[in-house]
C-alpha atoms as a PDB file:
ATOM      1  CA  MET A   1     -11.545 -16.868 -15.888  1.00  0.00           C
ATOM      2  CA  SER A   2     -13.115 -14.529 -13.016  1.00  0.00           C
ATOM      3  CA  LYS A   3     -10.817 -13.106 -10.726  1.00  0.00           C
ATOM      4  CA  LEU A   4     -12.434 -14.863  -7.517  1.00  0.00           C
ATOM      5  CA  HIS A   5     -11.648 -13.804  -3.978  1.00  0.00           C
ATOM      6  CA  LEU A   6     -12.548 -15.421  -0.751  1.00  0.00           C
ATOM      7  CA  VAL A   7     -13.057 -13.496   2.494  1.00  0.00           C
ATOM      8  CA  MET A   8     -12.619 -15.528   5.675  1.00  0.00           C
ATOM      9  CA  GLY A   9     -11.621 -14.874   9.260  1.00  0.00           C
ATOM     10  CA  GLY A  10     -11.217 -16.505  12.590  1.00  0.00           C
ATOM     11  CA  ARG A  11      -9.315 -16.324  15.640  1.00  0.00           C
ATOM     12  CA  VAL A  12      -5.427 -16.186  15.559  1.00  0.00           C
ATOM     13  CA  SER A  13      -3.097 -17.231  18.256  1.00  0.00           C
ATOM     14  CA  ASP A  14      -0.754 -14.130  17.835  1.00  0.00           C
ATOM     15  CA  PRO A  15      -2.255 -10.955  16.195  1.00  0.00           C
ATOM     16  CA  GLN A  16       1.059 -10.627  14.365  1.00  0.00           C
ATOM     17  CA  THR A  17       0.327 -13.922  12.448  1.00  0.00           C
ATOM     18  CA  LEU A  18      -2.112 -15.735  10.301  1.00  0.00           C
ATOM     19  CA  ASP A  19      -1.728 -18.799  12.672  1.00  0.00           C
ATOM     20  CA  TYR A  20      -5.559 -19.454  13.041  1.00  0.00           C
ATOM     21  CA  CYS A  21      -6.996 -21.369  15.995  1.00  0.00           C
ATOM     22  CA  GLU A  22      -9.913 -23.591  15.689  1.00  0.00           C
ATOM     23  CA  LEU A  23     -10.009 -23.904  12.038  1.00  0.00           C
ATOM     24  CA  ASP A  24     -13.561 -25.990  12.519  1.00  0.00           C
ATOM     25  CA  LYS A  25     -14.708 -22.342  13.453  1.00  0.00           C
ATOM     26  CA  MET A  26     -13.567 -20.093  10.616  1.00  0.00           C
ATOM     27  CA  ASP A  27     -15.879 -17.503   9.436  1.00  0.00           C
ATOM     28  CA  LEU A  28     -16.111 -18.021   5.692  1.00  0.00           C
ATOM     29  CA  VAL A  29     -17.965 -14.999   4.781  1.00  0.00           C
ATOM     30  CA  GLY A  30     -17.771 -15.230   1.014  1.00  0.00           C
ATOM     31  CA  VAL A  31     -16.699 -15.780  -2.479  1.00  0.00           C
ATOM     32  CA  TYR A  32     -16.460 -12.368  -4.647  1.00  0.00           C
ATOM     33  CA  PRO A  33     -16.033 -11.885  -8.390  1.00  0.00           C
ATOM     34  CA  ASP A  34     -13.584  -8.791  -7.617  1.00  0.00           C
ATOM     35  CA  TYR A  35     -11.634  -7.251  -5.480  1.00  0.00           C
ATOM     36  CA  ALA A  36     -13.585  -4.318  -4.671  1.00  0.00           C
ATOM     37  CA  SER A  37     -16.581  -6.328  -3.506  1.00  0.00           C
ATOM     38  CA  ALA A  38     -14.474  -8.625  -1.564  1.00  0.00           C
ATOM     39  CA  GLU A  39     -12.777  -5.602  -0.028  1.00  0.00           C
ATOM     40  CA  GLU A  40     -16.152  -4.461   1.196  1.00  0.00           C
ATOM     41  CA  ALA A  41     -16.936  -7.340   2.748  1.00  0.00           C
ATOM     42  CA  TRP A  42     -13.720  -7.701   4.277  1.00  0.00           C
ATOM     43  CA  ARG A  43     -13.887  -4.117   5.433  1.00  0.00           C
ATOM     44  CA  SER A  44     -17.279  -4.605   7.190  1.00  0.00           C
ATOM     45  CA  LYS A  45     -16.313  -7.682   8.855  1.00  0.00           C
ATOM     46  CA  ALA A  46     -13.132  -6.453  10.383  1.00  0.00           C
ATOM     47  CA  GLN A  47     -14.400  -3.394  11.596  1.00  0.00           C
ATOM     48  CA  SER A  48     -17.195  -5.135  13.298  1.00  0.00           C
ATOM     49  CA  THR A  49     -14.467  -7.158  15.420  1.00  0.00           C
ATOM     50  CA  VAL A  50     -11.901  -4.273  15.823  1.00  0.00           C
ATOM     51  CA  ASP A  51     -12.026  -4.384  19.728  1.00  0.00           C
ATOM     52  CA  ASP A  52     -11.017  -8.261  19.332  1.00  0.00           C
ATOM     53  CA  ALA A  53      -7.346  -8.148  18.658  1.00  0.00           C
ATOM     54  CA  GLU A  54      -7.305 -12.094  18.317  1.00  0.00           C
ATOM     55  CA  MET A  55      -9.826 -11.853  15.359  1.00  0.00           C
ATOM     56  CA  ARG A  56      -8.278 -11.505  11.879  1.00  0.00           C
ATOM     57  CA  TYR A  57      -9.869 -11.394   8.404  1.00  0.00           C
ATOM     58  CA  VAL A  58      -8.252 -11.641   5.083  1.00  0.00           C
ATOM     59  CA  ILE A  59      -8.917 -11.670   1.365  1.00  0.00           C
ATOM     60  CA  VAL A  60      -7.610 -14.796  -0.425  1.00  0.00           C
ATOM     61  CA  HIS A  61      -7.018 -14.384  -4.241  1.00  0.00           C
ATOM     62  CA  LEU A  62      -8.374 -17.575  -5.286  1.00  0.00           C
ATOM     63  CA  HIS A  63      -7.894 -17.066  -8.654  1.00  0.00           C
ATOM     64  CA  ARG A  64      -4.073 -16.840  -8.222  1.00  0.00           C
ATOM     65  CA  LEU A  65      -4.241 -20.207  -6.433  1.00  0.00           C
ATOM     66  CA  LEU A  66      -6.533 -21.890  -9.369  1.00  0.00           C
ATOM     67  CA  ASP A  67      -4.162 -20.610 -12.033  1.00  0.00           C
ATOM     68  CA  PRO A  68      -0.591 -19.442 -10.618  1.00  0.00           C
ATOM     69  CA  GLU A  69       0.498 -18.608 -14.031  1.00  0.00           C
ATOM     70  CA  THR A  70      -1.514 -15.789 -14.601  1.00  0.00           C
ATOM     71  CA  PRO A  71      -0.048 -12.228 -13.711  1.00  0.00           C
ATOM     72  CA  ALA A  72      -1.341 -10.331 -10.427  1.00  0.00           C
ATOM     73  CA  ALA A  73      -2.210  -7.433 -12.723  1.00  0.00           C
END
C-alpha cells in the first residue's frame, strides 16, 4: 500500500489548536504519495499564510487511517 498523505488547511478558532472554523471553506491542497512531497506542498502553503496566525495547514497520514495496524516507520 502506498503511504498516502493529505495536505489541508484552513482558519482555526485558536492558533494553539486544530479547531477548524468553516469546514466548508477548508483548503484541500492535495494527496501525495510520500511524506517528502507532502511536506513540500505543506511548506509552500504554510509559508504563503505566515502572516495570518489563524490559518493552519497540516499533513494527515492517510495510510495510518486506512490501515491503523501498519507500523509508523
